[in-house]
Amino acid sequence: MSQANDGTGPGVIIDITDLHDPVLSAVQRAAVDAAQEPRLEEEHVLDLARQATGLSDFGDDGFRERMRLWLKCAADDAGLSRLGRSTIFGMCVRYATTRLRVEDLVRRHPEILDIPIERPLVVAGLPRSGTTHLQNFLAADRNLRSLPYWEAIRPVPAADEVATPGQEDPRHAKCAAEWVQADALLPYTKAMHEFSPDHISEDVEFSCIDFGSYHIEWLTFSPAWRDYCETHDQTPVFRYLKKCLQVLNFQTGTKRWLMKCPQHMENLVPLTTVFPDATVVMTHRDPVASIQSAITSNCYRQRISRRTVEPKKTSDYWIDRYERLLRACVRDRDRLDPERTVDVYFDKFMAAPMATVEEIYRKAGMPISDALRAAWADFIARAPRGKYGQIHYDLRRDFGLTPEEIRARFGFYFERFPVTVEVK
């Protein structure tokens, strides 16, 4: 099945045979042709955020340096298409706009900063290592506070987004419309990583409000940003993440938070500095399985975000990036409190999900009721793997690589964690 046939669904095998030389759909061609060249300038981004909100206080200025670097990475990447640069620019405006609204709410209600964020459950692990499935599994527990995507991208409602009791939240409606457009543009994305309105989101969205996330690396080659993160303390970014959680608790009530982000694996020390009583759940999987998914999905997106698809540059960048992430994980894993840390292995989790979550709840000191077991069983029935289809990965055909070549870079990880070799 090539990209021109966008059928998805349970049991469908999706083989993107035009990964290198994409045949654009009419929707994709129209989007690429319509994109305007953005002004990738700090003050232009901030001015647009001010105009959108009527606000001017961005809080601590530390984020500006990071935002400038995001914009510079986009400007320096000559391979980006106008649509690729426009997407990054629009993302920066959205995060700056959200930051103004967060800061305004906290200014008007300073008691927000006194709201405790106690004993959160934090899922960390490579993309495609079971983190999303595990997070959604745990989110079936209504005693936990999770973050649906519609709320993650608009955590503080604008004046025209205030919900009316008994009616759909306007933010949800906007997100649903955006999802329809995004799905039409890149229909196979949902088989790789879903972004529908009610999908439980990563807290990366809140780190981005402080411009402190590796999210920019998924949109443009960003070695300067990668190196910046390795040489700068990420604790302030986690403090801002905490502020965003406090803002949501203020608006909707306090529950125990369920958080998740793959990048937490390389930030275990700042994570537990800001959330010292967190229970950290780390998922582990053959890195090759995660990498083949990451580079395939990245190249799929490049059909509209870049002038040409660049498979070798993509694989080189992300194999190196994964090695850095996992070396940091191995370096810092034993600094965590063993009484509040759970290692989850992908194959075991998929074979016995109930046993896995029971161990997590035991470590977290959380009770398991019959009603909760029923909710988990219902989730398993409603959320089978591959509900939007299964992507066929071919490292040799698409990237000129063998699993053994990639895996050789990660001997240190296999020595530390008993991960099952999966991709052969």
Protein backbone atom coordinates (compact mmCIF):
# COMPACT_ATOMS: atom_id res chain seq x y z
CA MET A 1 0.00 0.00 0.00
CA SER A 2 1.56 3.31 -1.04
CA GLN A 3 0.86 6.71 0.46
CA ALA A 4 -1.60 7.42 -2.31
CA ASN A 5 -3.95 4.87 -0.77
CA ASP A 6 -4.64 6.22 2.71
CA GLY A 7 -6.69 3.34 4.08
CA THR A 8 -6.17 2.75 7.77
CA GLY A 9 -7.84 0.55 10.34
CA PRO A 10 -7.43 -2.60 12.42
CA GLY A 11 -5.51 -5.30 10.59
CA VAL A 12 -4.34 -2.99 7.80
CA ILE A 13 -0.62 -3.25 6.98
CA ILE A 14 0.64 0.16 5.85
CA ASP A 15 3.72 0.01 3.66
CA ILE A 16 4.84 3.53 2.70
CA THR A 17 6.53 2.56 -0.54
CA ASP A 18 7.04 6.15 -1.69
CA LEU A 19 8.97 7.20 1.41
CA HIS A 20 12.00 8.46 -0.56
CA ASP A 21 10.16 9.92 -3.55
CA PRO A 22 6.75 10.85 -2.24
CA VAL A 23 3.71 11.20 -4.44
CA LEU A 24 1.83 14.05 -2.82
CA SER A 25 -1.92 13.92 -2.45
CA ALA A 26 -3.97 16.90 -3.61
CA VAL A 27 -4.36 18.00 0.01
CA GLN A 28 -0.63 17.83 0.62
CA ARG A 29 0.25 19.67 -2.60
CA ALA A 30 -2.21 22.44 -1.79
CA ALA A 31 -0.78 22.87 1.71
CA VAL A 32 2.80 23.00 0.45
CA ASP A 33 1.95 25.50 -2.29
CA ALA A 34 -0.12 27.74 0.01
CA ALA A 35 2.50 28.08 2.75
CA GLN A 36 3.98 31.55 3.25
CA GLU A 37 7.55 32.31 4.24
CA PRO A 38 7.47 33.23 7.96
CA ARG A 39 9.57 35.82 9.79
CA LEU A 40 11.56 33.66 12.18
CA GLU A 41 12.28 36.53 14.57
CA GLU A 42 11.91 36.61 18.34
CA GLU A 43 10.10 39.95 18.60
CA HIS A 44 7.75 39.11 15.74
CA VAL A 45 6.68 35.92 17.54
CA LEU A 46 6.19 37.78 20.82
CA ASP A 47 4.32 40.65 19.16
CA LEU A 48 1.85 38.25 17.56
CA ALA A 49 1.30 36.57 20.95
CA ARG A 50 0.66 39.97 22.54
CA GLN A 51 -1.80 40.90 19.79
CA ALA A 52 -3.65 37.59 20.17
CA THR A 53 -4.14 38.00 23.91
CA GLY A 54 -3.93 41.69 24.77
CA LEU A 55 -1.37 40.67 27.38
CA SER A 56 2.31 41.55 27.69
CA ASP A 57 3.82 39.79 30.73
CA PHE A 58 5.68 36.63 29.70
CA GLY A 59 7.08 36.02 33.20
CA ASP A 60 10.69 35.04 33.63
CA ASP A 61 12.71 35.98 30.54
CA GLY A 62 14.82 32.81 30.62
CA PHE A 63 12.64 31.26 27.92
CA ARG A 64 13.72 33.87 25.35
CA GLU A 65 17.18 32.42 24.87
CA ARG A 66 15.68 29.01 24.22
CA MET A 67 13.05 30.37 21.85
CA ARG A 68 15.70 32.26 19.88
CA LEU A 69 17.62 29.02 19.48
CA TRP A 70 14.48 27.20 18.24
CA LEU A 71 13.99 29.92 15.64
CA LYS A 72 17.67 29.89 14.66
CA CYS A 73 17.61 26.12 14.19
CA ALA A 74 14.66 26.52 11.82
CA ALA A 75 16.29 29.43 9.97
CA ASP A 76 19.61 27.59 9.59
CA ASP A 77 18.01 24.42 8.20
CA ALA A 78 18.08 25.14 4.46
CA GLY A 79 16.27 21.87 3.73
CA LEU A 80 13.00 22.97 5.33
CA SER A 81 10.14 23.83 3.03
CA ARG A 82 8.09 26.97 3.52
CA LEU A 83 5.47 24.78 5.19
CA GLY A 84 8.11 23.29 7.50
CA ARG A 85 9.30 26.72 8.63
CA SER A 86 5.74 28.02 8.85
CA THR A 87 4.78 25.08 11.09
CA ILE A 88 7.62 25.82 13.50
CA PHE A 89 6.83 29.53 13.47
CA GLY A 90 3.15 28.90 14.23
CA MET A 91 4.11 26.53 17.01
CA CYS A 92 6.31 29.19 18.61
CA VAL A 93 3.50 31.75 18.44
CA ARG A 94 1.09 29.27 20.04
CA TYR A 95 3.44 28.50 22.92
CA ALA A 96 4.20 32.18 23.51
CA THR A 97 0.47 32.94 23.47
CA THR A 98 -0.24 30.17 25.97
CA ARG A 99 2.58 31.44 28.17
CA LEU A 100 0.97 34.87 28.35
CA ARG A 101 -2.31 33.32 29.46
CA VAL A 102 -0.60 31.11 32.05
CA GLU A 103 1.30 34.06 33.50
CA ASP A 104 -1.83 36.25 33.53
CA LEU A 105 -3.82 33.64 35.45
CA VAL A 106 -1.03 33.17 37.99
CA ARG A 107 -0.68 36.95 38.40
CA ARG A 108 -4.40 37.24 39.16
CA HIS A 109 -4.38 34.17 41.40
CA PRO A 110 -0.95 33.87 43.05
CA GLU A 111 -2.33 31.14 45.32
CA ILE A 112 -1.92 28.82 42.32
CA LEU A 113 1.77 28.49 43.15
CA ASP A 114 0.86 27.09 46.58
CA ILE A 115 -1.07 24.15 45.12
CA PRO A 116 0.95 21.00 45.82
CA ILE A 117 1.77 18.49 43.10
CA GLU A 118 2.08 15.38 45.22
CA ARG A 119 3.34 11.90 44.32
CA PRO A 120 2.83 12.09 40.55
CA LEU A 121 3.16 8.98 38.42
CA VAL A 122 5.72 9.73 35.70
CA VAL A 123 6.14 7.46 32.67
CA ALA A 124 9.46 7.72 30.86
CA GLY A 125 10.72 5.58 28.00
CA LEU A 126 11.67 5.58 24.36
CA PRO A 127 8.98 6.46 21.83
CA ARG A 128 7.23 3.26 20.67
CA SER A 129 8.39 1.41 23.79
CA GLY A 130 4.90 1.12 25.23
CA THR A 131 4.81 4.51 26.96
CA THR A 132 1.66 5.70 25.21
CA HIS A 133 -0.19 2.43 25.70
CA LEU A 134 0.84 2.30 29.36
CA GLN A 135 -0.11 5.92 29.96
CA ASN A 136 -3.55 5.44 28.44
CA PHE A 137 -3.95 2.21 30.41
CA LEU A 138 -3.22 4.03 33.67
CA ALA A 139 -5.45 6.95 32.65
CA ALA A 140 -8.44 4.61 32.83
CA ASP A 141 -8.16 5.25 36.59
CA ARG A 142 -10.38 8.29 37.13
CA ASN A 143 -8.62 8.98 40.42
CA LEU A 144 -5.61 10.09 38.39
CA ARG A 145 -5.39 13.43 36.60
CA SER A 146 -4.21 12.95 33.03
CA LEU A 147 -3.85 15.43 30.20
CA PRO A 148 -6.08 15.04 27.11
CA TYR A 149 -4.56 16.58 24.01
CA TRP A 150 -7.30 19.20 23.57
CA GLU A 151 -6.48 20.58 27.01
CA ALA A 152 -2.71 20.24 26.64
CA ILE A 153 -2.58 22.60 23.66
CA ARG A 154 -4.95 25.17 25.23
CA PRO A 155 -4.57 24.82 29.01
CA VAL A 156 -5.95 28.29 29.77
CA PRO A 157 -9.07 29.21 27.79
CA ALA A 158 -9.21 32.46 25.86
CA ALA A 159 -12.18 34.77 26.38
CA ASP A 160 -14.11 33.05 23.59
CA GLU A 161 -13.21 29.55 24.83
CA VAL A 162 -14.91 29.57 28.23
CA ALA A 163 -17.04 26.45 28.48
CA THR A 164 -20.80 26.54 28.97
CA PRO A 165 -22.10 23.85 31.37
CA GLY A 166 -23.62 20.96 29.48
CA GLN A 167 -22.01 21.89 26.17
CA GLU A 168 -18.79 20.85 24.44
CA ASP A 169 -15.78 22.84 25.57
CA PRO A 170 -14.89 25.23 22.71
CA ARG A 171 -11.25 24.17 23.06
CA HIS A 172 -12.25 20.57 22.39
CA ALA A 173 -14.24 21.61 19.33
CA LYS A 174 -11.30 23.59 17.94
CA CYS A 175 -8.93 20.68 18.54
CA ALA A 176 -11.34 18.29 16.84
CA ALA A 177 -11.45 20.49 13.74
CA GLU A 178 -7.67 20.74 13.70
CA TRP A 179 -7.38 16.97 14.04
CA VAL A 180 -9.55 16.44 10.97
CA GLN A 181 -7.28 18.75 8.98
CA ALA A 182 -4.07 17.18 10.28
CA ASP A 183 -5.36 13.67 9.62
CA ALA A 184 -6.26 14.59 6.05
CA LEU A 185 -2.78 16.03 5.52
CA LEU A 186 -0.80 13.07 6.93
CA PRO A 187 -3.25 10.17 7.37
CA TYR A 188 -0.68 7.59 8.43
CA THR A 189 0.53 9.64 11.39
CA LYS A 190 -2.20 8.28 13.65
CA ALA A 191 -0.89 4.74 13.11
CA MET A 192 2.48 5.97 14.44
CA HIS A 193 1.35 8.39 17.16
CA GLU A 194 -2.23 9.53 17.66
CA PHE A 195 -3.07 13.19 18.24
CA SER A 196 -6.85 13.08 18.39
CA PRO A 197 -8.51 15.49 20.88
CA ASP A 198 -9.15 12.97 23.65
CA HIS A 199 -5.86 11.13 23.30
CA ILE A 200 -3.83 11.40 26.51
CA SER A 201 -1.01 13.79 25.76
CA GLU A 202 2.59 13.95 26.87
CA ASP A 203 3.51 16.77 29.22
CA VAL A 204 5.99 17.83 26.54
CA GLU A 205 3.34 20.41 25.64
CA PHE A 206 3.97 22.17 28.94
CA SER A 207 7.77 22.00 28.66
CA CYS A 208 7.34 23.67 25.27
CA ILE A 209 5.61 26.67 26.86
CA ASP A 210 9.03 27.31 28.42
CA PHE A 211 10.71 26.39 25.10
CA GLY A 212 12.59 23.64 26.90
CA SER A 213 11.72 20.48 24.98
CA TYR A 214 13.30 18.34 22.29
CA HIS A 215 10.06 18.74 20.34
CA ILE A 216 11.87 21.11 17.99
CA GLU A 217 14.21 18.26 17.01
CA TRP A 218 11.33 16.28 15.54
CA LEU A 219 10.52 19.17 13.21
CA THR A 220 13.96 20.26 12.04
CA PHE A 221 17.54 19.03 12.35
CA SER A 222 18.65 20.82 15.52
CA PRO A 223 22.16 19.83 16.65
CA ALA A 224 22.62 23.26 18.22
CA TRP A 225 19.53 22.72 20.37
CA ARG A 226 20.60 19.17 21.26
CA ASP A 227 24.01 20.43 22.41
CA TYR A 228 22.43 23.31 24.33
CA CYS A 229 20.24 20.92 26.30
CA GLU A 230 23.23 18.75 27.20
CA THR A 231 25.12 21.73 28.65
CA HIS A 232 22.29 23.56 30.45
CA ASP A 233 20.44 22.55 33.60
CA GLN A 234 16.88 21.58 32.73
CA THR A 235 15.53 22.13 36.26
CA PRO A 236 13.92 25.52 35.39
CA VAL A 237 11.98 23.84 32.58
CA PHE A 238 10.59 21.28 35.00
CA ARG A 239 9.64 24.08 37.41
CA TYR A 240 7.60 25.66 34.64
CA LEU A 241 6.03 22.30 33.88
CA LYS A 242 5.01 22.13 37.53
CA LYS A 243 3.49 25.60 37.30
CA CYS A 244 1.33 24.45 34.38
CA LEU A 245 0.11 21.45 36.38
CA GLN A 246 -0.77 23.81 39.23
CA VAL A 247 -2.71 26.00 36.80
CA LEU A 248 -4.81 23.05 35.68
CA ASN A 249 -5.40 21.93 39.26
CA PHE A 250 -6.61 25.44 40.07
CA GLN A 251 -9.09 25.31 37.18
CA THR A 252 -10.39 21.76 37.52
CA GLY A 253 -9.52 20.47 41.00
CA THR A 254 -6.65 18.51 42.47
CA LYS A 255 -5.89 14.89 41.70
CA ARG A 256 -2.75 12.82 41.60
CA TRP A 257 -1.03 13.56 38.28
CA LEU A 258 -0.15 11.07 35.57
CA MET A 259 2.68 12.43 33.44
CA LYS A 260 4.66 11.09 30.49
CA CYS A 261 7.46 12.11 28.16
CA PRO A 262 10.24 10.09 26.51
CA GLN A 263 12.73 12.91 27.08
CA HIS A 264 12.40 12.45 30.84
CA MET A 265 14.80 9.52 30.38
CA GLU A 266 17.68 11.96 29.94
CA ASN A 267 16.43 14.36 32.61
CA LEU A 268 15.91 12.04 35.57
CA VAL A 269 17.80 14.30 38.00
CA PRO A 270 15.94 17.57 37.25
CA LEU A 271 12.67 15.60 37.09
CA THR A 272 13.08 14.20 40.58
CA THR A 273 14.51 17.47 41.89
CA VAL A 274 11.24 19.23 41.07
CA PHE A 275 9.03 16.21 41.82
CA PRO A 276 10.93 14.47 44.64
CA ASP A 277 8.08 12.13 45.62
CA ALA A 278 7.31 10.99 42.07
CA THR A 279 6.96 7.33 41.19
CA VAL A 280 8.99 6.95 38.01
CA VAL A 281 7.93 4.21 35.58
CA MET A 282 10.56 3.51 32.92
CA THR A 283 9.67 1.46 29.87
CA HIS A 284 12.39 -0.48 28.06
CA ARG A 285 12.43 -1.96 24.56
CA ASP A 286 14.90 -2.94 21.88
CA PRO A 287 16.09 0.52 20.71
CA VAL A 288 16.00 -0.67 17.09
CA ALA A 289 12.21 -1.06 17.30
CA SER A 290 11.88 2.51 18.49
CA ILE A 291 14.41 3.95 16.07
CA GLN A 292 12.89 2.35 12.97
CA SER A 293 9.55 3.86 13.92
CA ALA A 294 11.03 7.28 14.69
CA ILE A 295 12.99 7.63 11.47
CA THR A 296 10.22 6.23 9.28
CA SER A 297 7.60 8.57 10.74
CA ASN A 298 10.02 11.49 10.49
CA CYS A 299 10.71 10.80 6.82
CA TYR A 300 6.97 10.39 6.17
CA ARG A 301 6.40 13.88 7.58
CA GLN A 302 9.27 15.28 5.50
CA ARG A 303 7.21 14.95 2.32
CA ILE A 304 5.61 18.26 3.26
CA SER A 305 8.04 19.75 5.79
CA ARG A 306 11.24 19.50 3.70
CA ARG A 307 12.27 20.26 0.15
CA THR A 308 13.40 16.66 -0.27
CA VAL A 309 13.21 13.61 1.99
CA GLU A 310 16.58 12.95 3.65
CA PRO A 311 16.66 9.35 4.99
CA LYS A 312 20.40 9.11 5.71
CA LYS A 313 20.58 12.44 7.52
CA THR A 314 17.48 11.44 9.48
CA SER A 315 18.82 8.04 10.53
CA ASP A 316 22.26 9.46 11.40
CA TYR A 317 20.72 12.19 13.56
CA TRP A 318 18.26 10.03 15.44
CA ILE A 319 20.50 7.02 16.05
CA ASP A 320 22.98 9.42 17.64
CA ARG A 321 20.18 11.20 19.53
CA TYR A 322 18.86 7.93 20.94
CA GLU A 323 22.35 6.94 22.03
CA ARG A 324 22.74 10.21 23.92
CA LEU A 325 19.33 9.83 25.54
CA LEU A 326 19.96 6.25 26.65
CA ARG A 327 23.48 6.96 27.90
CA ALA A 328 22.02 9.65 30.14
CA CYS A 329 19.38 7.18 31.32
CA VAL A 330 21.98 4.53 32.18
CA ARG A 331 24.12 7.16 33.89
CA ASP A 332 21.36 8.42 36.17
CA ARG A 333 18.97 5.48 36.61
CA ASP A 334 20.52 4.31 39.87
CA ARG A 335 20.21 7.77 41.38
CA LEU A 336 16.47 7.22 41.64
CA ASP A 337 14.82 5.90 44.78
CA PRO A 338 14.35 2.15 44.14
CA GLU A 339 11.21 2.16 46.29
CA ARG A 340 9.56 4.58 43.83
CA THR A 341 10.94 3.31 40.54
CA VAL A 342 9.56 0.62 38.26
CA ASP A 343 11.28 -0.79 35.17
CA VAL A 344 8.74 -2.06 32.63
CA TYR A 345 9.88 -4.30 29.79
CA PHE A 346 7.87 -4.02 26.61
CA ASP A 347 7.46 -7.72 25.89
CA LYS A 348 6.41 -8.52 29.45
CA PHE A 349 4.00 -5.62 29.58
CA MET A 350 2.30 -6.67 26.35
CA ALA A 351 2.08 -10.27 27.54
CA ALA A 352 0.76 -9.47 31.03
CA PRO A 353 -0.48 -5.87 31.28
CA MET A 354 -2.45 -6.39 34.49
CA ALA A 355 0.58 -7.72 36.35
CA THR A 356 2.58 -4.71 35.18
CA VAL A 357 0.14 -2.10 36.39
CA GLU A 358 -0.36 -3.94 39.67
CA GLU A 359 3.39 -3.63 40.32
CA ILE A 360 3.26 0.08 39.49
CA TYR A 361 0.38 0.62 41.90
CA ARG A 362 2.19 -1.30 44.62
CA LYS A 363 5.27 0.90 44.28
CA ALA A 364 3.10 4.02 44.14
CA GLY A 365 1.12 3.01 47.24
CA MET A 366 -2.18 3.15 45.38
CA PRO A 367 -5.14 0.82 46.02
CA ILE A 368 -6.73 -1.29 43.29
CA SER A 369 -10.48 -1.68 43.52
CA ASP A 370 -12.70 -4.10 41.64
CA ALA A 371 -14.10 -1.12 39.74
CA LEU A 372 -10.60 -0.14 38.65
CA ARG A 373 -9.84 -3.66 37.46
CA ALA A 374 -13.04 -3.52 35.42
CA ALA A 375 -11.99 -0.17 33.93
CA TRP A 376 -8.62 -1.61 32.95
CA ALA A 377 -10.26 -4.65 31.37
CA ASP A 378 -12.58 -2.35 29.42
CA PHE A 379 -9.58 -0.36 28.19
CA ILE A 380 -7.88 -3.51 26.93
CA ALA A 381 -11.04 -4.44 25.04
CA ARG A 382 -11.48 -0.98 23.52
CA ALA A 383 -7.85 -0.19 22.65
CA PRO A 384 -6.25 -3.06 20.76
CA ARG A 385 -2.79 -2.52 19.33
CA GLY A 386 -2.80 -1.24 15.80
CA LYS A 387 -6.35 0.10 15.76
CA TYR A 388 -5.36 2.46 12.93
CA GLY A 389 -3.25 -0.13 11.14
CA GLN A 390 0.31 -1.33 11.48
CA ILE A 391 3.23 0.37 9.77
CA HIS A 392 5.54 -1.94 7.86
CA TYR A 393 9.13 -0.97 8.63
CA ASP A 394 12.01 -1.86 6.31
CA LEU A 395 15.35 -0.57 7.53
CA ARG A 396 17.29 -2.16 4.71
CA ARG A 397 15.09 -0.85 1.90
CA ASP A 398 14.39 2.61 3.29
CA PHE A 399 17.63 3.44 5.11
CA GLY A 400 20.28 1.00 3.92
CA LEU A 401 20.73 -0.22 7.50
CA THR A 402 20.53 -3.55 9.27
CA PRO A 403 19.16 -3.98 12.78
CA GLU A 404 22.54 -5.37 13.84
CA GLU A 405 24.35 -2.21 12.71
CA ILE A 406 22.07 -0.01 14.77
CA ARG A 407 22.01 -2.32 17.79
CA ALA A 408 25.82 -2.35 17.97
CA ARG A 409 25.65 1.26 19.18
CA PHE A 410 23.57 0.27 22.21
CA GLY A 411 25.54 -2.50 23.89
CA PHE A 412 25.83 -0.35 27.02
CA TYR A 413 22.02 -0.24 27.27
CA PHE A 414 21.56 -4.01 26.88
CA GLU A 415 24.25 -4.56 29.54
CA ARG A 416 22.30 -2.42 32.03
CA PHE A 417 18.76 -3.55 31.21
CA PRO A 418 17.70 -7.10 30.19
CA VAL A 419 15.91 -5.97 27.05
CA THR A 420 14.76 -8.60 24.57
CA VAL A 421 16.15 -8.32 21.05
CA GLU A 422 13.08 -7.77 18.92
CA VAL A 423 13.95 -6.55 15.42
CA LYS A 424 16.04 -9.00 13.37
